Protein backbone atom coordinates (compact mmCIF):
# COMPACT_ATOMS: atom_id res chain seq x y z
CA UNK A 1 -13.72 -7.24 6.56
CA UNK A 2 -10.94 -5.11 5.09
CA UNK A 3 -10.81 -5.30 1.30
CA UNK A 4 -7.47 -4.67 -0.42
CA UNK A 5 -7.33 -3.52 -4.02
CA UNK A 6 -4.30 -4.31 -6.24
CA UNK A 7 -5.05 -3.42 -9.84
CA UNK A 8 -1.60 -4.29 -11.24
CA UNK A 9 -0.32 -7.24 -9.18
CA UNK A 10 2.72 -9.28 -10.12
CA UNK A 11 4.65 -12.42 -9.40
CA UNK A 12 7.73 -11.15 -7.60
CA UNK A 13 10.70 -13.34 -8.51
CA UNK A 14 13.99 -13.07 -6.61
CA UNK A 15 17.26 -14.37 -8.07
CA UNK A 16 20.18 -14.25 -5.58
CA UNK A 17 23.61 -14.35 -7.27
CA UNK A 18 27.06 -13.98 -5.82
CA UNK A 19 28.00 -12.18 -9.03
CA UNK A 20 25.93 -10.98 -11.98
CA UNK A 21 27.83 -11.76 -15.20
CA UNK A 22 26.73 -9.88 -18.31
CA UNK A 23 26.43 -11.41 -21.79
CA UNK A 24 26.65 -14.98 -20.47
CA UNK A 25 24.69 -17.57 -18.50
CA UNK A 26 23.92 -16.98 -14.80
CA UNK A 27 22.61 -19.95 -12.84
CA UNK A 28 20.65 -19.63 -9.63
CA UNK A 29 20.13 -22.41 -7.07
CA UNK A 30 17.55 -20.61 -4.92
CA UNK A 31 14.53 -18.82 -6.43
CA UNK A 32 11.65 -17.29 -4.51
CA UNK A 33 8.31 -16.44 -6.09
CA UNK A 34 5.60 -14.54 -4.23
CA UNK A 35 2.27 -12.89 -5.03
CA UNK A 36 3.41 -9.30 -5.27
CA UNK A 37 2.20 -5.75 -5.56
CA UNK A 38 1.74 -3.09 -2.87
CA UNK A 39 -1.84 -4.13 -2.15
CA UNK A 40 -0.88 -7.76 -1.66
CA UNK A 41 1.81 -6.71 0.83
CA UNK A 42 -0.99 -4.96 2.72
CA UNK A 43 -3.05 -8.13 2.46
CA UNK A 44 -0.38 -10.37 3.94
CA UNK A 45 0.31 -8.04 6.85
CA UNK A 46 -3.39 -7.74 7.65
CA UNK A 47 -3.69 -11.54 7.65
CA UNK A 48 -0.60 -12.02 9.80
CA UNK A 49 -1.81 -9.42 12.32
CA UNK A 50 -5.12 -11.26 12.74
CA UNK A 51 -7.50 -9.16 10.62
CA UNK A 52 -10.26 -10.49 8.41
CA UNK A 53 -9.20 -9.57 4.89
CA UNK A 54 -10.21 -10.08 1.26
CA UNK A 55 -8.23 -9.20 -1.83
CA UNK A 56 -9.33 -8.00 -5.25
CA UNK A 57 -7.82 -6.62 -8.45
CA UNK A 58 -7.17 -7.74 -12.01
CA UNK A 59 -5.53 -11.10 -12.71
CA UNK A 60 -5.00 -13.05 -15.92
CA UNK A 61 -3.32 -16.13 -17.37
CA UNK A 62 -1.29 -18.70 -15.45
CA UNK A 63 0.41 -15.92 -13.50
CA UNK A 64 -3.01 -14.74 -12.36
CA UNK A 65 -3.82 -18.25 -11.15
CA UNK A 66 -0.54 -18.23 -9.22
CA UNK A 67 -1.62 -15.02 -7.46
CA UNK A 68 -4.94 -16.57 -6.44
CA UNK A 69 -3.36 -19.77 -5.10
CA UNK A 70 -0.47 -18.08 -3.25
CA UNK A 71 -2.47 -15.79 -1.00
CA UNK A 72 -2.32 -16.42 2.74
CA UNK A 73 -4.66 -19.24 3.69
CA UNK A 74 -7.21 -17.04 5.53
CA UNK A 75 -7.49 -14.38 2.80
CA UNK A 76 -10.68 -14.38 0.76
CA UNK A 77 -10.00 -14.09 -2.98
CA UNK A 78 -12.25 -11.74 -4.98
CA UNK A 79 -10.01 -11.20 -8.04
CA UNK A 80 -11.43 -10.24 -11.41
CA UNK A 81 -10.21 -12.29 -14.39
CA UNK A 82 -8.97 -10.52 -17.53
CA UNK A 83 -7.66 -11.65 -20.93
CA UNK A 84 -4.10 -10.37 -20.48
CA UNK A 85 -1.39 -12.07 -18.45
CA UNK A 86 -0.46 -10.85 -14.99
CA UNK A 87 3.10 -9.52 -15.03
CA UNK A 88 6.39 -10.73 -13.55
CA UNK A 89 8.71 -8.47 -11.60
CA UNK A 90 12.28 -9.79 -11.28
CA UNK A 91 14.80 -8.75 -8.67
CA UNK A 92 18.42 -9.88 -9.15
CA UNK A 93 20.33 -9.67 -5.86
CA UNK A 94 24.05 -9.45 -6.53
CA UNK A 95 27.15 -8.10 -4.79
CA UNK A 96 25.12 -6.09 -2.33
CA UNK A 97 23.03 -4.58 -5.15
CA UNK A 98 19.50 -5.15 -6.41
CA UNK A 99 18.86 -4.97 -10.15
CA UNK A 100 15.16 -5.01 -11.03
CA UNK A 101 13.40 -5.96 -14.28
CA UNK A 102 9.77 -4.85 -14.09
CA UNK A 103 7.18 -5.78 -16.69
CA UNK A 104 4.54 -3.19 -17.46
CA UNK A 105 1.70 -5.62 -17.04
CA UNK A 106 -1.39 -6.31 -19.15
CA UNK A 107 -3.44 -3.60 -20.82
CA UNK A 108 -6.95 -3.43 -19.40
CA UNK A 109 -9.60 -3.12 -22.10
CA UNK A 110 -12.70 -1.00 -21.69
CA UNK A 111 -15.09 -3.87 -21.01
CA UNK A 112 -12.79 -5.17 -18.28
CA UNK A 113 -12.52 -1.73 -16.70
CA UNK A 114 -16.29 -1.36 -16.63
CA UNK A 115 -16.75 -4.93 -15.48
CA UNK A 116 -14.48 -4.43 -12.52
CA UNK A 117 -16.42 -1.35 -11.40
CA UNK A 118 -19.58 -3.51 -11.25
CA UNK A 119 -17.62 -6.32 -9.51
CA UNK A 120 -16.25 -3.84 -6.97
CA UNK A 121 -19.74 -2.47 -6.25
CA UNK A 122 -20.98 -5.99 -5.51
CA UNK A 123 -18.20 -6.40 -2.91
CA UNK A 124 -19.20 -3.34 -0.85
CA UNK A 125 -21.62 -5.15 1.48
CA UNK A 126 -18.78 -7.49 2.56
CA UNK A 127 -16.23 -4.76 3.51
CA UNK A 128 -16.10 -1.85 5.95
CA UNK A 129 -12.68 -0.47 4.92
CA UNK A 130 -11.10 -0.46 1.46
CA UNK A 131 -7.31 -0.22 1.07
CA UNK A 132 -6.28 0.82 -2.46
CA UNK A 133 -2.56 0.60 -3.24
CA UNK A 134 -0.13 0.99 -6.10
CA UNK A 135 -0.16 2.09 -9.71
CA UNK A 136 -2.84 1.84 -12.37
CA UNK A 137 -2.31 -0.70 -15.16
CA UNK A 138 -2.20 0.44 -18.76
CA UNK A 139 -5.58 1.10 -20.31
CA UNK A 140 -7.34 2.54 -17.27
CA UNK A 141 -8.24 6.25 -17.17
CA UNK A 142 -6.16 8.32 -14.76
CA UNK A 143 -9.25 8.98 -12.59
CA UNK A 144 -10.12 5.28 -12.14
CA UNK A 145 -9.31 5.37 -8.42
CA UNK A 146 -11.77 8.27 -8.06
CA UNK A 147 -14.43 5.98 -9.58
CA UNK A 148 -13.67 3.29 -6.99
CA UNK A 149 -13.77 5.87 -4.19
CA UNK A 150 -17.14 7.13 -5.46
CA UNK A 151 -18.55 3.59 -5.28
CA UNK A 152 -17.12 3.05 -1.78
CA UNK A 153 -18.44 6.41 -0.63
CA UNK A 154 -21.95 5.67 -1.89
CA UNK A 155 -21.83 2.49 0.22
CA UNK A 156 -20.57 4.40 3.27
CA UNK A 157 -17.18 2.66 3.30
CA UNK A 158 -13.90 4.15 4.45
CA UNK A 159 -11.04 4.22 1.95
CA UNK A 160 -7.27 4.30 2.50
CA UNK A 161 -5.50 5.35 -0.72
CA UNK A 162 -1.78 4.77 -1.14
CA UNK A 163 -0.86 6.00 -4.61
CA UNK A 164 1.22 8.76 -6.15
CA UNK A 165 1.66 10.79 -9.32
CA UNK A 166 -1.17 11.39 -11.75
CA UNK A 167 -3.59 8.91 -10.22
CA UNK A 168 -3.33 10.61 -6.80
CA UNK A 169 -3.61 14.06 -8.38
CA UNK A 170 -6.78 12.97 -10.19
CA UNK A 171 -8.34 11.91 -6.86
CA UNK A 172 -7.34 15.13 -5.12
CA UNK A 173 -8.99 17.15 -7.88
CA UNK A 174 -12.12 15.03 -7.94
CA UNK A 175 -15.21 15.44 -5.74
CA UNK A 176 -14.73 11.90 -4.38
CA UNK A 177 -12.29 11.80 -1.48
CA UNK A 178 -10.65 8.92 0.37
CA UNK A 179 -10.68 8.80 4.16
CA UNK A 180 -6.87 8.56 4.35
CA UNK A 181 -3.88 9.31 2.14
CA UNK A 182 -0.30 8.46 3.11
CA UNK A 183 2.19 10.56 1.13
CA UNK A 184 5.86 11.13 1.98
CA UNK A 185 7.56 14.53 1.80
CA UNK A 186 8.85 13.89 -1.72
CA UNK A 187 5.35 13.11 -2.94
CA UNK A 188 3.98 16.21 -1.20
CA UNK A 189 6.67 18.28 -2.93
CA UNK A 190 5.64 16.87 -6.32
CA UNK A 191 1.97 17.58 -5.66
CA UNK A 192 2.54 21.16 -4.55
CA UNK A 193 5.43 22.04 -6.86
CA UNK A 194 7.72 23.16 -4.04
CA UNK A 195 10.08 21.69 -1.48
CA UNK A 196 8.38 20.44 1.70
CA UNK A 197 10.59 20.39 4.77
CA UNK A 198 10.24 18.28 7.94
CA UNK A 199 9.58 21.43 9.96
CA UNK A 200 6.33 21.03 11.88
CA UNK A 201 5.00 24.48 11.03
CA UNK A 202 5.81 23.99 7.35
CA UNK A 203 4.05 20.61 7.37
CA UNK A 204 1.00 22.11 9.05
CA UNK A 205 0.67 24.76 6.38
CA UNK A 206 1.20 22.19 3.62
CA UNK A 207 -1.54 19.90 4.95
CA UNK A 208 -3.93 22.86 5.18
CA UNK A 209 -3.60 23.43 1.43
CA UNK A 210 -6.97 23.46 -0.39
CA UNK A 211 -5.71 20.52 -2.49
CA UNK A 212 -6.31 18.23 0.52
CA UNK A 213 -9.74 19.58 1.42
CA UNK A 214 -12.26 16.89 2.27
CA UNK A 215 -9.69 14.25 3.31
CA UNK A 216 -10.17 13.21 6.94
CA UNK A 217 -6.69 11.80 7.58
CA UNK A 218 -3.33 12.72 6.03
CA UNK A 219 -0.43 10.66 7.40
CA UNK A 220 3.00 11.75 6.19
CA UNK A 221 5.79 9.22 6.42
CA UNK A 222 9.07 10.62 7.77
CA UNK A 223 11.10 7.39 7.54
CA UNK A 224 13.19 6.81 10.61
CA UNK A 225 11.79 9.99 12.16
CA UNK A 226 8.30 8.48 12.39
CA UNK A 227 5.36 10.34 10.98
CA UNK A 228 3.41 13.59 10.96
CA UNK A 229 -0.35 13.39 10.76
CA UNK A 230 -3.45 15.53 10.41
CA UNK A 231 -6.87 14.26 11.50
CA UNK A 232 -9.53 16.83 10.92
CA UNK A 233 -8.04 20.01 12.43
CA UNK A 234 -5.69 18.17 14.83
CA UNK A 235 -2.00 17.57 14.11
CA UNK A 236 0.17 14.78 15.53
CA UNK A 237 3.89 13.92 15.56
CA UNK A 238 4.69 10.24 15.99
CA UNK A 239 8.12 9.43 17.39
CA UNK A 240 9.44 5.90 16.90
CA UNK A 241 12.45 4.06 18.40
CA UNK A 242 15.59 3.24 16.50
CA UNK A 243 15.53 -0.32 15.20
CA UNK A 244 17.82 -2.57 13.22
CA UNK A 245 16.48 -2.40 9.67
CA UNK A 246 16.80 -5.65 7.73
CA UNK A 247 14.62 -4.81 4.71
CA UNK A 248 12.62 -1.54 4.57
CA UNK A 249 10.77 -2.50 1.35
CA UNK A 250 7.09 -2.94 2.11
CA UNK A 251 7.14 -0.96 5.36
CA UNK A 252 4.86 1.67 3.85
CA UNK A 253 2.44 -1.04 2.80
CA UNK A 254 2.54 -2.49 6.31
CA UNK A 255 1.75 0.97 7.68
CA UNK A 256 -1.27 1.10 5.34
CA UNK A 257 -2.37 -2.25 6.79
CA UNK A 258 -2.18 -0.76 10.28
CA UNK A 259 -4.14 2.33 9.28
CA UNK A 260 -6.83 0.19 7.66
CA UNK A 261 -7.08 -2.04 10.73
CA UNK A 262 -7.30 0.99 12.99
CA UNK A 263 -10.18 2.41 10.98
CA UNK A 264 -11.94 -0.95 10.89
CA UNK A 265 -11.80 -1.45 14.66
CA UNK A 266 -12.56 2.18 15.54
CA UNK A 267 -9.26 2.88 17.31
CA UNK A 268 -8.71 6.36 18.69
CA UNK A 269 -6.17 8.62 16.98
CA UNK A 270 -3.15 7.69 19.12
CA UNK A 271 -3.89 3.97 18.96
CA UNK A 272 -4.40 4.04 15.18
CA UNK A 273 -1.12 5.87 14.56
CA UNK A 274 0.78 3.65 16.98
CA UNK A 275 -0.57 0.43 15.48
CA UNK A 276 0.30 1.62 11.98
CA UNK A 277 3.86 2.55 12.94
CA UNK A 278 4.45 -0.73 14.77
CA UNK A 279 3.43 -2.80 11.73
CA UNK A 280 5.69 -0.71 9.49
CA UNK A 281 8.66 -1.29 11.81
CA UNK A 282 7.93 -4.98 12.17
CA UNK A 283 8.13 -5.33 8.38
CA UNK A 284 11.46 -3.49 8.33
CA UNK A 285 12.86 -6.04 10.75
CA UNK A 286 12.06 -8.95 8.45
CA UNK A 287 13.98 -10.22 5.42
CA UNK A 288 10.81 -10.91 3.41
CA UNK A 289 8.72 -8.04 2.08
CA UNK A 290 5.22 -7.69 3.45
CA UNK A 291 5.69 -9.84 6.55
CA UNK A 292 5.51 -9.09 10.27
CA UNK A 293 6.49 -11.05 13.38
CA UNK A 294 3.76 -10.18 15.89
CA UNK A 295 5.83 -11.63 18.75
CA UNK A 296 7.70 -8.29 18.82
CA UNK A 297 4.57 -6.14 18.63
CA UNK A 298 4.06 -5.27 22.30
CA UNK A 299 7.66 -4.25 22.89
CA UNK A 300 7.66 -1.78 19.98
CA UNK A 301 4.16 -0.50 20.85
CA UNK A 302 5.35 0.67 24.26
CA UNK A 303 8.21 2.67 22.72
CA UNK A 304 6.12 4.83 20.38
CA UNK A 305 5.06 8.33 21.42
CA UNK A 306 2.17 10.17 19.77
CA UNK A 307 1.87 13.82 20.72
CA UNK A 308 -0.43 16.60 19.58
CA UNK A 309 1.49 19.51 18.06
């Protein structure tokens, strides 16, 4: 089983309006509510692509119950209940724009933080790959992901970490390393304090930086230009076809789903990278975030080229 971790999930609420009028009433006839958060996007894509998947993280209040009851049918729920209420994240779609109102989410108290570490440890026998995604909720120490990775490592589990900022930096400076990280060039630039170009030789030197020592896989998203990856001492460029993009939001999460599935099934390097890119593109072709139509999988798979550079 692949276990996804979403520590700060949300109910994602979408309000489509022809026009957003300020300082007055706006009425919406169609409202969509989904269990949201980067890790839950990963969860849905894993389920839709036929993987065995469980989901964990913090949930609280009636919103937390909504998260539990609105997972895909085949997903096993291992969420940890807290006192605070799970947050709402609102997207107002108007005049070709998207205005977002994002709640910070509940503050995790010390007993809950410690309780989840014990809960997470008990889940290790059920999972072979752990996919950790998104930001840390308020109240958790910045190195909390490193604590989860330590637990997974002690159990011999592989970890895919998709985070950024201080929480990622804390992991990179800790002795406990994930199997895979998936930064983009902007995130690499922030980590290293300098501009990172798309030049292959520059990327090679960047990924050899001592900051990334001990990480087996580094997969750098290049958007429409595919990806650049390092596995051990081997570098790869992944070329992808041009597609009609409907909604790119969640494509990175879908790629994480593909990476996790590739690790779980023991795919070789080229197959893992290809599978990950296909799921990312399938998400971009869908209106809904964190969804894939597997009917188009084979066609895209044949158009992807992975080459050693």
